[in-house]
PDB file of N, CA and C in Angstrom:
ATOM      1  N   UNK A   1     -91.382  12.549  45.808  1.00  0.00           N
ATOM      2  CA  UNK A   1     -91.919  11.438  46.575  1.00  0.00           C
ATOM      3  C   UNK A   1     -90.896  11.046  47.609  1.00  0.00           C
ATOM      4  N   UNK A   2     -91.319  10.915  48.803  1.00  0.00           N
ATOM      5  CA  UNK A   2     -90.377  10.507  49.823  1.00  0.00           C
ATOM      6  C   UNK A   2     -90.672   9.055  50.247  1.00  0.00           C
ATOM      7  N   UNK A   3     -89.704   8.233  50.164  1.00  0.00           N
ATOM      8  CA  UNK A   3     -89.837   6.805  50.482  1.00  0.00           C
ATOM      9  C   UNK A   3     -88.689   6.417  51.338  1.00  0.00           C
ATOM     10  N   UNK A   4     -88.935   6.033  52.549  1.00  0.00           N
ATOM     11  CA  UNK A   4     -87.912   5.608  53.507  1.00  0.00           C
ATOM     12  C   UNK A   4     -86.859   6.692  53.667  1.00  0.00           C
ATOM     13  N   UNK A   5     -87.246   7.936  53.565  1.00  0.00           N
ATOM     14  CA  UNK A   5     -86.324   9.037  53.780  1.00  0.00           C
ATOM     15  C   UNK A   5     -85.526   9.427  52.539  1.00  0.00           C
ATOM     16  N   UNK A   6     -85.754   8.799  51.402  1.00  0.00           N
ATOM     17  CA  UNK A   6     -85.054   9.152  50.147  1.00  0.00           C
ATOM     18  C   UNK A   6     -85.954   9.892  49.228  1.00  0.00           C
ATOM     19  N   UNK A   7     -85.411  10.961  48.667  1.00  0.00           N
ATOM     20  CA  UNK A   7     -86.185  11.741  47.651  1.00  0.00           C
ATOM     21  C   UNK A   7     -86.037  11.079  46.350  1.00  0.00           C
ATOM     22  N   UNK A   8     -87.138  10.562  45.755  1.00  0.00           N
ATOM     23  CA  UNK A   8     -87.129   9.845  44.484  1.00  0.00           C
ATOM     24  C   UNK A   8     -87.779  10.695  43.419  1.00  0.00           C
ATOM     25  N   UNK A   9     -87.137  10.863  42.288  1.00  0.00           N
ATOM     26  CA  UNK A   9     -87.714  11.597  41.179  1.00  0.00           C
ATOM     27  C   UNK A   9     -88.495  10.572  40.340  1.00  0.00           C
ATOM     28  N   UNK A  10     -89.776  10.532  40.484  1.00  0.00           N
ATOM     29  CA  UNK A  10     -90.647   9.564  39.850  1.00  0.00           C
ATOM     30  C   UNK A  10     -90.558   9.707  38.324  1.00  0.00           C
ATOM     31  N   UNK A  11     -90.535  10.928  37.831  1.00  0.00           N
ATOM     32  CA  UNK A  11     -90.528  11.120  36.392  1.00  0.00           C
ATOM     33  C   UNK A  11     -89.250  10.529  35.749  1.00  0.00           C
ATOM     34  N   UNK A  12     -88.146  10.647  36.435  1.00  0.00           N
ATOM     35  CA  UNK A  12     -86.903  10.070  35.941  1.00  0.00           C
ATOM     36  C   UNK A  12     -86.978   8.586  35.950  1.00  0.00           C
ATOM     37  N   UNK A  13     -87.514   7.997  37.010  1.00  0.00           N
ATOM     38  CA  UNK A  13     -87.572   6.536  37.132  1.00  0.00           C
ATOM     39  C   UNK A  13     -88.516   5.999  36.037  1.00  0.00           C
ATOM     40  N   UNK A  14     -89.612   6.687  35.774  1.00  0.00           N
ATOM     41  CA  UNK A  14     -90.533   6.244  34.723  1.00  0.00           C
ATOM     42  C   UNK A  14     -89.915   6.296  33.355  1.00  0.00           C
ATOM     43  N   UNK A  15     -89.178   7.407  33.050  1.00  0.00           N
ATOM     44  CA  UNK A  15     -88.517   7.499  31.728  1.00  0.00           C
ATOM     45  C   UNK A  15     -87.437   6.454  31.575  1.00  0.00           C
ATOM     46  N   UNK A  16     -86.698   6.162  32.602  1.00  0.00           N
ATOM     47  CA  UNK A  16     -85.727   5.104  32.543  1.00  0.00           C
ATOM     48  C   UNK A  16     -86.376   3.747  32.312  1.00  0.00           C
ATOM     49  N   UNK A  17     -87.494   3.529  33.007  1.00  0.00           N
ATOM     50  CA  UNK A  17     -88.258   2.276  32.770  1.00  0.00           C
ATOM     51  C   UNK A  17     -88.796   2.145  31.380  1.00  0.00           C
ATOM     52  N   UNK A  18     -89.289   3.206  30.822  1.00  0.00           N
ATOM     53  CA  UNK A  18     -89.793   3.185  29.456  1.00  0.00           C
ATOM     54  C   UNK A  18     -88.612   2.942  28.490  1.00  0.00           C
ATOM     55  N   UNK A  19     -87.533   3.548  28.729  1.00  0.00           N
ATOM     56  CA  UNK A  19     -86.316   3.355  27.868  1.00  0.00           C
ATOM     57  C   UNK A  19     -85.881   1.896  27.907  1.00  0.00           C
ATOM     58  N   UNK A  20     -85.860   1.292  29.091  1.00  0.00           N
ATOM     59  CA  UNK A  20     -85.508  -0.096  29.203  1.00  0.00           C
ATOM     60  C   UNK A  20     -86.545  -1.012  28.472  1.00  0.00           C
ATOM     61  N   UNK A  21     -87.841  -0.628  28.583  1.00  0.00           N
ATOM     62  CA  UNK A  21     -88.830  -1.374  27.904  1.00  0.00           C
ATOM     63  C   UNK A  21     -88.665  -1.360  26.399  1.00  0.00           C
ATOM     64  N   UNK A  22     -88.321  -0.196  25.833  1.00  0.00           N
ATOM     65  CA  UNK A  22     -88.080  -0.067  24.433  1.00  0.00           C
ATOM     66  C   UNK A  22     -86.839  -0.872  23.975  1.00  0.00           C
ATOM     67  N   UNK A  23     -85.825  -0.923  24.826  1.00  0.00           N
ATOM     68  CA  UNK A  23     -84.649  -1.731  24.503  1.00  0.00           C
ATOM     69  C   UNK A  23     -85.031  -3.218  24.425  1.00  0.00           C
ATOM     70  N   UNK A  24     -85.847  -3.688  25.373  1.00  0.00           N
ATOM     71  CA  UNK A  24     -86.249  -5.071  25.415  1.00  0.00           C
ATOM     72  C   UNK A  24     -87.119  -5.357  24.180  1.00  0.00           C
ATOM     73  N   UNK A  25     -88.091  -4.490  23.866  1.00  0.00           N
ATOM     74  CA  UNK A  25     -88.965  -4.678  22.703  1.00  0.00           C
ATOM     75  C   UNK A  25     -88.143  -4.671  21.436  1.00  0.00           C
ATOM     76  N   UNK A  26     -87.181  -3.779  21.350  1.00  0.00           N
ATOM     77  CA  UNK A  26     -86.318  -3.727  20.181  1.00  0.00           C
ATOM     78  C   UNK A  26     -85.485  -4.993  19.975  1.00  0.00           C
ATOM     79  N   UNK A  27     -85.011  -5.528  21.037  1.00  0.00           N
ATOM     80  CA  UNK A  27     -84.277  -6.775  20.969  1.00  0.00           C
ATOM     81  C   UNK A  27     -85.163  -7.934  20.508  1.00  0.00           C
ATOM     82  N   UNK A  28     -86.409  -7.903  20.946  1.00  0.00           N
ATOM     83  CA  UNK A  28     -87.347  -8.982  20.603  1.00  0.00           C
ATOM     84  C   UNK A  28     -87.922  -8.839  19.203  1.00  0.00           C
ATOM     85  N   UNK A  29     -87.983  -7.630  18.671  1.00  0.00           N
ATOM     86  CA  UNK A  29     -88.603  -7.386  17.339  1.00  0.00           C
ATOM     87  C   UNK A  29     -87.931  -8.140  16.234  1.00  0.00           C
ATOM     88  N   UNK A  30     -86.641  -8.238  16.285  1.00  0.00           N
ATOM     89  CA  UNK A  30     -85.965  -8.914  15.174  1.00  0.00           C
ATOM     90  C   UNK A  30     -86.154 -10.425  15.149  1.00  0.00           C
ATOM     91  N   UNK A  31     -86.763 -10.951  16.192  1.00  0.00           N
ATOM     92  CA  UNK A  31     -86.939 -12.423  16.304  1.00  0.00           C
ATOM     93  C   UNK A  31     -88.358 -12.858  16.024  1.00  0.00           C
ATOM     94  N   UNK A  32     -89.304 -11.938  15.871  1.00  0.00           N
ATOM     95  CA  UNK A  32     -90.731 -12.352  15.679  1.00  0.00           C
ATOM     96  C   UNK A  32     -90.971 -12.764  14.287  1.00  0.00           C
ATOM     97  N   UNK A  33     -91.902 -13.708  14.115  1.00  0.00           N
ATOM     98  CA  UNK A  33     -92.284 -14.212  12.831  1.00  0.00           C
ATOM     99  C   UNK A  33     -93.428 -13.341  12.298  1.00  0.00           C
ATOM    100  N   UNK A  34     -93.682 -13.480  11.044  1.00  0.00           N
ATOM    101  CA  UNK A  34     -94.748 -12.757  10.367  1.00  0.00           C
ATOM    102  C   UNK A  34     -96.093 -13.128  10.976  1.00  0.00           C
ATOM    103  N   UNK A  35     -96.853 -12.100  11.438  1.00  0.00           N
ATOM    104  CA  UNK A  35     -98.145 -12.353  12.007  1.00  0.00           C
ATOM    105  C   UNK A  35     -98.989 -11.119  11.889  1.00  0.00           C
ATOM    106  N   UNK A  36    -100.256 -11.205  12.321  1.00  0.00           N
ATOM    107  CA  UNK A  36    -101.218 -10.115  12.202  1.00  0.00           C
ATOM    108  C   UNK A  36    -101.432  -9.360  13.515  1.00  0.00           C
ATOM    109  N   UNK A  37    -100.685  -9.676  14.594  1.00  0.00           N
ATOM    110  CA  UNK A  37    -100.929  -9.103  15.872  1.00  0.00           C
ATOM    111  C   UNK A  37     -99.866  -8.239  16.435  1.00  0.00           C
ATOM    112  N   UNK A  38     -98.617  -8.497  16.118  1.00  0.00           N
ATOM    113  CA  UNK A  38     -97.496  -7.811  16.752  1.00  0.00           C
ATOM    114  C   UNK A  38     -96.490  -7.424  15.700  1.00  0.00           C
ATOM    115  N   UNK A  39     -96.000  -6.226  15.712  1.00  0.00           N
ATOM    116  CA  UNK A  39     -94.997  -5.760  14.749  1.00  0.00           C
ATOM    117  C   UNK A  39     -95.446  -4.669  13.873  1.00  0.00           C
ATOM    118  N   UNK A  40     -94.636  -4.413  12.907  1.00  0.00           N
ATOM    119  CA  UNK A  40     -94.989  -3.393  11.870  1.00  0.00           C
ATOM    120  C   UNK A  40     -95.850  -4.057  10.806  1.00  0.00           C
ATOM    121  N   UNK A  41     -97.126  -3.863  10.929  1.00  0.00           N
ATOM    122  CA  UNK A  41     -98.114  -4.492  10.046  1.00  0.00           C
ATOM    123  C   UNK A  41     -98.615  -3.546   8.937  1.00  0.00           C
ATOM    124  N   UNK A  42     -97.831  -3.391   7.946  1.00  0.00           N
ATOM    125  CA  UNK A  42     -98.243  -2.652   6.774  1.00  0.00           C
ATOM    126  C   UNK A  42     -98.506  -3.638   5.684  1.00  0.00           C
ATOM    127  N   UNK A  43     -99.227  -3.225   4.628  1.00  0.00           N
ATOM    128  CA  UNK A  43     -99.515  -4.146   3.518  1.00  0.00           C
ATOM    129  C   UNK A  43     -98.262  -4.722   2.907  1.00  0.00           C
ATOM    130  N   UNK A  44     -97.190  -3.987   2.896  1.00  0.00           N
ATOM    131  CA  UNK A  44     -95.927  -4.467   2.284  1.00  0.00           C
ATOM    132  C   UNK A  44     -95.215  -5.516   3.150  1.00  0.00           C
ATOM    133  N   UNK A  45     -95.304  -5.323   4.477  1.00  0.00           N
ATOM    134  CA  UNK A  45     -94.642  -6.314   5.328  1.00  0.00           C
ATOM    135  C   UNK A  45     -95.445  -7.598   5.411  1.00  0.00           C
ATOM    136  N   UNK A  46     -96.760  -7.477   5.397  1.00  0.00           N
ATOM    137  CA  UNK A  46     -97.592  -8.678   5.449  1.00  0.00           C
ATOM    138  C   UNK A  46     -97.580  -9.482   4.128  1.00  0.00           C
ATOM    139  N   UNK A  47     -97.268  -8.820   3.034  1.00  0.00           N
ATOM    140  CA  UNK A  47     -97.284  -9.515   1.752  1.00  0.00           C
ATOM    141  C   UNK A  47     -96.020 -10.289   1.476  1.00  0.00           C
ATOM    142  N   UNK A  48     -94.899  -9.925   2.130  1.00  0.00           N
ATOM    143  CA  UNK A  48     -93.614 -10.509   1.803  1.00  0.00           C
ATOM    144  C   UNK A  48     -92.812 -10.797   3.037  1.00  0.00           C
ATOM    145  N   UNK A  49     -92.403 -12.075   3.234  1.00  0.00           N
ATOM    146  CA  UNK A  49     -91.658 -12.508   4.388  1.00  0.00           C
ATOM    147  C   UNK A  49     -90.311 -11.792   4.485  1.00  0.00           C
ATOM    148  N   UNK A  50     -89.624 -11.569   3.349  1.00  0.00           N
ATOM    149  CA  UNK A  50     -88.307 -10.909   3.326  1.00  0.00           C
ATOM    150  C   UNK A  50     -88.451  -9.456   3.813  1.00  0.00           C
ATOM    151  N   UNK A  51     -89.451  -8.783   3.361  1.00  0.00           N
ATOM    152  CA  UNK A  51     -89.663  -7.459   3.784  1.00  0.00           C
ATOM    153  C   UNK A  51     -89.981  -7.424   5.260  1.00  0.00           C
ATOM    154  N   UNK A  52     -90.749  -8.328   5.720  1.00  0.00           N
ATOM    155  CA  UNK A  52     -91.104  -8.428   7.196  1.00  0.00           C
ATOM    156  C   UNK A  52     -89.816  -8.529   8.011  1.00  0.00           C
ATOM    157  N   UNK A  53     -88.947  -9.444   7.665  1.00  0.00           N
ATOM    158  CA  UNK A  53     -87.722  -9.654   8.400  1.00  0.00           C
ATOM    159  C   UNK A  53     -86.802  -8.408   8.373  1.00  0.00           C
ATOM    160  N   UNK A  54     -86.718  -7.807   7.227  1.00  0.00           N
ATOM    161  CA  UNK A  54     -85.838  -6.653   7.019  1.00  0.00           C
ATOM    162  C   UNK A  54     -86.331  -5.490   7.877  1.00  0.00           C
ATOM    163  N   UNK A  55     -87.643  -5.205   7.812  1.00  0.00           N
ATOM    164  CA  UNK A  55     -88.266  -4.088   8.530  1.00  0.00           C
ATOM    165  C   UNK A  55     -88.138  -4.320  10.011  1.00  0.00           C
ATOM    166  N   UNK A  56     -88.384  -5.490  10.465  1.00  0.00           N
ATOM    167  CA  UNK A  56     -88.295  -5.758  11.910  1.00  0.00           C
ATOM    168  C   UNK A  56     -86.870  -5.770  12.453  1.00  0.00           C
ATOM    169  N   UNK A  57     -85.943  -6.049  11.619  1.00  0.00           N
ATOM    170  CA  UNK A  57     -84.540  -5.925  12.035  1.00  0.00           C
ATOM    171  C   UNK A  57     -84.166  -4.455  12.195  1.00  0.00           C
ATOM    172  N   UNK A  58     -84.655  -3.652  11.195  1.00  0.00           N
ATOM    173  CA  UNK A  58     -84.358  -2.175  11.281  1.00  0.00           C
ATOM    174  C   UNK A  58     -85.192  -1.608  12.437  1.00  0.00           C
ATOM    175  N   UNK A  59     -86.447  -2.009  12.533  1.00  0.00           N
ATOM    176  CA  UNK A  59     -87.265  -1.478  13.617  1.00  0.00           C
ATOM    177  C   UNK A  59     -86.743  -1.872  14.984  1.00  0.00           C
ATOM    178  N   UNK A  60     -86.224  -3.036  15.161  1.00  0.00           N
ATOM    179  CA  UNK A  60     -85.657  -3.439  16.441  1.00  0.00           C
ATOM    180  C   UNK A  60     -84.449  -2.573  16.802  1.00  0.00           C
ATOM    181  N   UNK A  61     -83.616  -2.308  15.791  1.00  0.00           N
ATOM    182  CA  UNK A  61     -82.466  -1.486  16.009  1.00  0.00           C
ATOM    183  C   UNK A  61     -82.886  -0.083  16.401  1.00  0.00           C
ATOM    184  N   UNK A  62     -83.849   0.467  15.694  1.00  0.00           N
ATOM    185  CA  UNK A  62     -84.346   1.831  15.989  1.00  0.00           C
ATOM    186  C   UNK A  62     -85.009   1.925  17.350  1.00  0.00           C
ATOM    187  N   UNK A  63     -85.696   0.836  17.767  1.00  0.00           N
ATOM    188  CA  UNK A  63     -86.328   0.905  19.122  1.00  0.00           C
ATOM    189  C   UNK A  63     -85.205   0.810  20.193  1.00  0.00           C
ATOM    190  N   UNK A  64     -84.146   0.081  19.944  1.00  0.00           N
ATOM    191  CA  UNK A  64     -83.098   0.018  20.950  1.00  0.00           C
ATOM    192  C   UNK A  64     -82.388   1.383  21.085  1.00  0.00           C
ATOM    193  N   UNK A  65     -82.136   2.042  19.909  1.00  0.00           N
ATOM    194  CA  UNK A  65     -81.567   3.397  19.941  1.00  0.00           C
ATOM    195  C   UNK A  65     -82.482   4.331  20.631  1.00  0.00           C
ATOM    196  N   UNK A  66     -83.792   4.210  20.386  1.00  0.00           N
ATOM    197  CA  UNK A  66     -84.767   5.028  21.083  1.00  0.00           C
ATOM    198  C   UNK A  66     -84.760   4.836  22.592  1.00  0.00           C
ATOM    199  N   UNK A  67     -84.631   3.593  23.019  1.00  0.00           N
ATOM    200  CA  UNK A  67     -84.574   3.303  24.447  1.00  0.00           C
ATOM    201  C   UNK A  67     -83.328   3.968  25.071  1.00  0.00           C
ATOM    202  N   UNK A  68     -82.198   3.918  24.369  1.00  0.00           N
ATOM    203  CA  UNK A  68     -80.982   4.576  24.922  1.00  0.00           C
ATOM    204  C   UNK A  68     -81.167   6.073  24.978  1.00  0.00           C
ATOM    205  N   UNK A  69     -81.814   6.659  23.961  1.00  0.00           N
ATOM    206  CA  UNK A  69     -82.070   8.085  23.964  1.00  0.00           C
ATOM    207  C   UNK A  69     -83.041   8.456  25.079  1.00  0.00           C
ATOM    208  N   UNK A  70     -84.026   7.638  25.319  1.00  0.00           N
ATOM    209  CA  UNK A  70     -84.982   7.923  26.446  1.00  0.00           C
ATOM    210  C   UNK A  70     -84.284   7.835  27.796  1.00  0.00           C
ATOM    211  N   UNK A  71     -83.357   6.894  27.968  1.00  0.00           N
ATOM    212  CA  UNK A  71     -82.631   6.804  29.208  1.00  0.00           C
ATOM    213  C   UNK A  71     -81.734   8.031  29.392  1.00  0.00           C
ATOM    214  N   UNK A  72     -81.083   8.465  28.326  1.00  0.00           N
ATOM    215  CA  UNK A  72     -80.278   9.659  28.399  1.00  0.00           C
ATOM    216  C   UNK A  72     -81.121  10.915  28.682  1.00  0.00           C
ATOM    217  N   UNK A  73     -82.287  10.973  28.068  1.00  0.00           N
ATOM    218  CA  UNK A  73     -83.157  12.135  28.223  1.00  0.00           C
ATOM    219  C   UNK A  73     -83.721  12.211  29.643  1.00  0.00           C
ATOM    220  N   UNK A  74     -83.691  11.123  30.344  1.00  0.00           N
ATOM    221  CA  UNK A  74     -84.244  11.149  31.729  1.00  0.00           C
ATOM    222  C   UNK A  74     -83.378  11.971  32.656  1.00  0.00           C
ATOM    223  N   UNK A  75     -82.163  12.222  32.291  1.00  0.00           N
ATOM    224  CA  UNK A  75     -81.237  13.015  33.155  1.00  0.00           C
ATOM    225  C   UNK A  75     -81.335  14.463  32.839  1.00  0.00           C
ATOM    226  N   UNK A  76     -82.074  14.842  31.809  1.00  0.00           N
ATOM    227  CA  UNK A  76     -82.313  16.239  31.496  1.00  0.00           C
ATOM    228  C   UNK A  76     -83.628  16.682  32.163  1.00  0.00           C
ATOM    229  N   UNK A  77     -83.834  17.954  32.289  1.00  0.00           N
ATOM    230  CA  UNK A  77     -85.073  18.446  32.879  1.00  0.00           C
ATOM    231  C   UNK A  77     -85.672  19.474  31.933  1.00  0.00           C
ATOM    232  N   UNK A  78     -86.942  19.713  32.042  1.00  0.00           N
ATOM    233  CA  UNK A  78     -87.634  20.706  31.262  1.00  0.00           C
ATOM    234  C   UNK A  78     -87.906  20.337  29.837  1.00  0.00           C
ATOM    235  N   UNK A  79     -87.901  21.337  29.000  1.00  0.00           N
ATOM    236  CA  UNK A  79     -88.315  21.171  27.619  1.00  0.00           C
ATOM    237  C   UNK A  79     -87.311  20.300  26.837  1.00  0.00           C
ATOM    238  N   UNK A  80     -86.097  20.295  27.215  1.00  0.00           N
ATOM    239  CA  UNK A  80     -85.062  19.447  26.483  1.00  0.00           C
ATOM    240  C   UNK A  80     -85.448  17.966  26.618  1.00  0.00           C
ATOM    241  N   UNK A  81     -85.815  17.553  27.793  1.00  0.00           N
ATOM    242  CA  UNK A  81     -86.215  16.180  28.009  1.00  0.00           C
ATOM    243  C   UNK A  81     -87.470  15.836  27.245  1.00  0.00           C
ATOM    244  N   UNK A  82     -88.424  16.750  27.196  1.00  0.00           N
ATOM    245  CA  UNK A  82     -89.652  16.508  26.482  1.00  0.00           C
ATOM    246  C   UNK A  82     -89.426  16.411  24.970  1.00  0.00           C
ATOM    247  N   UNK A  83     -88.584  17.267  24.454  1.00  0.00           N
ATOM    248  CA  UNK A  83     -88.285  17.257  23.014  1.00  0.00           C
ATOM    249  C   UNK A  83     -87.539  15.958  22.638  1.00  0.00           C
ATOM    250  N   UNK A  84     -86.569  15.569  23.440  1.00  0.00           N
ATOM    251  CA  UNK A  84     -85.835  14.315  23.196  1.00  0.00           C
ATOM    252  C   UNK A  84     -86.825  13.141  23.241  1.00  0.00           C
ATOM    253  N   UNK A  85     -87.686  13.121  24.194  1.00  0.00           N
ATOM    254  CA  UNK A  85     -88.653  12.037  24.404  1.00  0.00           C
ATOM    255  C   UNK A  85     -89.540  11.880  23.180  1.00  0.00           C
ATOM    256  N   UNK A  86     -90.141  12.996  22.773  1.00  0.00           N
ATOM    257  CA  UNK A  86     -91.129  12.936  21.681  1.00  0.00           C
ATOM    258  C   UNK A  86     -90.414  12.676  20.368  1.00  0.00           C
ATOM    259  N   UNK A  87     -89.234  13.258  20.129  1.00  0.00           N
ATOM    260  CA  UNK A  87     -88.507  13.035  18.918  1.00  0.00           C
ATOM    261  C   UNK A  87     -88.085  11.595  18.771  1.00  0.00           C
ATOM    262  N   UNK A  88     -87.620  10.981  19.852  1.00  0.00           N
ATOM    263  CA  UNK A  88     -87.177   9.602  19.855  1.00  0.00           C
ATOM    264  C   UNK A  88     -88.327   8.648  19.522  1.00  0.00           C
ATOM    265  N   UNK A  89     -89.447   8.902  20.156  1.00  0.00           N
ATOM    266  CA  UNK A  89     -90.602   7.991  19.922  1.00  0.00           C
ATOM    267  C   UNK A  89     -91.118   8.202  18.493  1.00  0.00           C
ATOM    268  N   UNK A  90     -91.186   9.422  18.014  1.00  0.00           N
ATOM    269  CA  UNK A  90     -91.586   9.671  16.649  1.00  0.00           C
ATOM    270  C   UNK A  90     -90.729   9.037  15.599  1.00  0.00           C
ATOM    271  N   UNK A  91     -89.416   9.215  15.725  1.00  0.00           N
ATOM    272  CA  UNK A  91     -88.514   8.650  14.770  1.00  0.00           C
ATOM    273  C   UNK A  91     -88.541   7.116  14.800  1.00  0.00           C
ATOM    274  N   UNK A  92     -88.522   6.521  15.962  1.00  0.00           N
ATOM    275  CA  UNK A  92     -88.461   5.088  16.078  1.00  0.00           C
ATOM    276  C   UNK A  92     -89.742   4.431  15.592  1.00  0.00           C
ATOM    277  N   UNK A  93     -90.876   5.177  15.647  1.00  0.00           N
ATOM    278  CA  UNK A  93     -92.114   4.655  15.193  1.00  0.00           C
ATOM    279  C   UNK A  93     -92.315   4.788  13.722  1.00  0.00           C
ATOM    280  N   UNK A  94     -92.009   5.953  13.192  1.00  0.00           N
ATOM    281  CA  UNK A  94     -92.313   6.235  11.800  1.00  0.00           C
ATOM    282  C   UNK A  94     -91.171   5.745  10.864  1.00  0.00           C
ATOM    283  N   UNK A  95     -89.972   5.648  11.269  1.00  0.00           N
ATOM    284  CA  UNK A  95     -88.896   5.213  10.394  1.00  0.00           C
ATOM    285  C   UNK A  95     -89.111   3.824   9.813  1.00  0.00           C
ATOM    286  N   UNK A  96     -89.415   2.798  10.623  1.00  0.00           N
ATOM    287  CA  UNK A  96     -89.662   1.447   9.979  1.00  0.00           C
ATOM    288  C   UNK A  96     -90.880   1.451   9.096  1.00  0.00           C
ATOM    289  N   UNK A  97     -91.901   2.216   9.446  1.00  0.00           N
ATOM    290  CA  UNK A  97     -93.087   2.220   8.627  1.00  0.00           C
ATOM    291  C   UNK A  97     -92.805   2.862   7.254  1.00  0.00           C
ATOM    292  N   UNK A  98     -92.087   3.963   7.261  1.00  0.00           N
ATOM    293  CA  UNK A  98     -91.788   4.637   6.013  1.00  0.00           C
ATOM    294  C   UNK A  98     -90.802   3.743   5.183  1.00  0.00           C
ATOM    295  N   UNK A  99     -89.850   3.128   5.903  1.00  0.00           N
ATOM    296  CA  UNK A  99     -88.852   2.260   5.174  1.00  0.00           C
ATOM    297  C   UNK A  99     -89.542   1.055   4.582  1.00  0.00           C
ATOM    298  N   UNK A 100     -90.611   0.597   5.175  1.00  0.00           N
ATOM    299  CA  UNK A 100     -91.325  -0.570   4.585  1.00  0.00           C
ATOM    300  C   UNK A 100     -91.950  -0.214   3.267  1.00  0.00           C
ATOM    301  N   UNK A 101     -92.293   1.038   3.078  1.00  0.00           N
ATOM    302  CA  UNK A 101     -92.864   1.463   1.832  1.00  0.00           C
ATOM    303  C   UNK A 101     -91.819   1.561   0.757  1.00  0.00           C
ATOM    304  N   UNK A 102     -90.620   1.941   1.131  1.00  0.00           N
ATOM    305  CA  UNK A 102     -89.532   2.140   0.180  1.00  0.00           C
ATOM    306  C   UNK A 102     -89.018   0.795  -0.183  1.00  0.00           C
TER     307      UNK A 102
END
């Protein structure tokens, strides 16, 4: 994409933006109260306030790590960036859910 004479890599800008979004969401996750609309809503987290707080603290940390990995992966090209992107999202999403069961 050419904008004002500068060559902009849109894919890299989008990946950096998504990484920043995950960092912001991760920072916010540890502060939310128990509810039925936002957060890790498993039967175990909804049944117990302590489990809710613990899972969202861990989930917030994993989302922030995921955001950092996504920002780093934006500087790679090809299959390496795709693998880092998918692995980071998968781990950050499933880790808090599995941990809430344990």
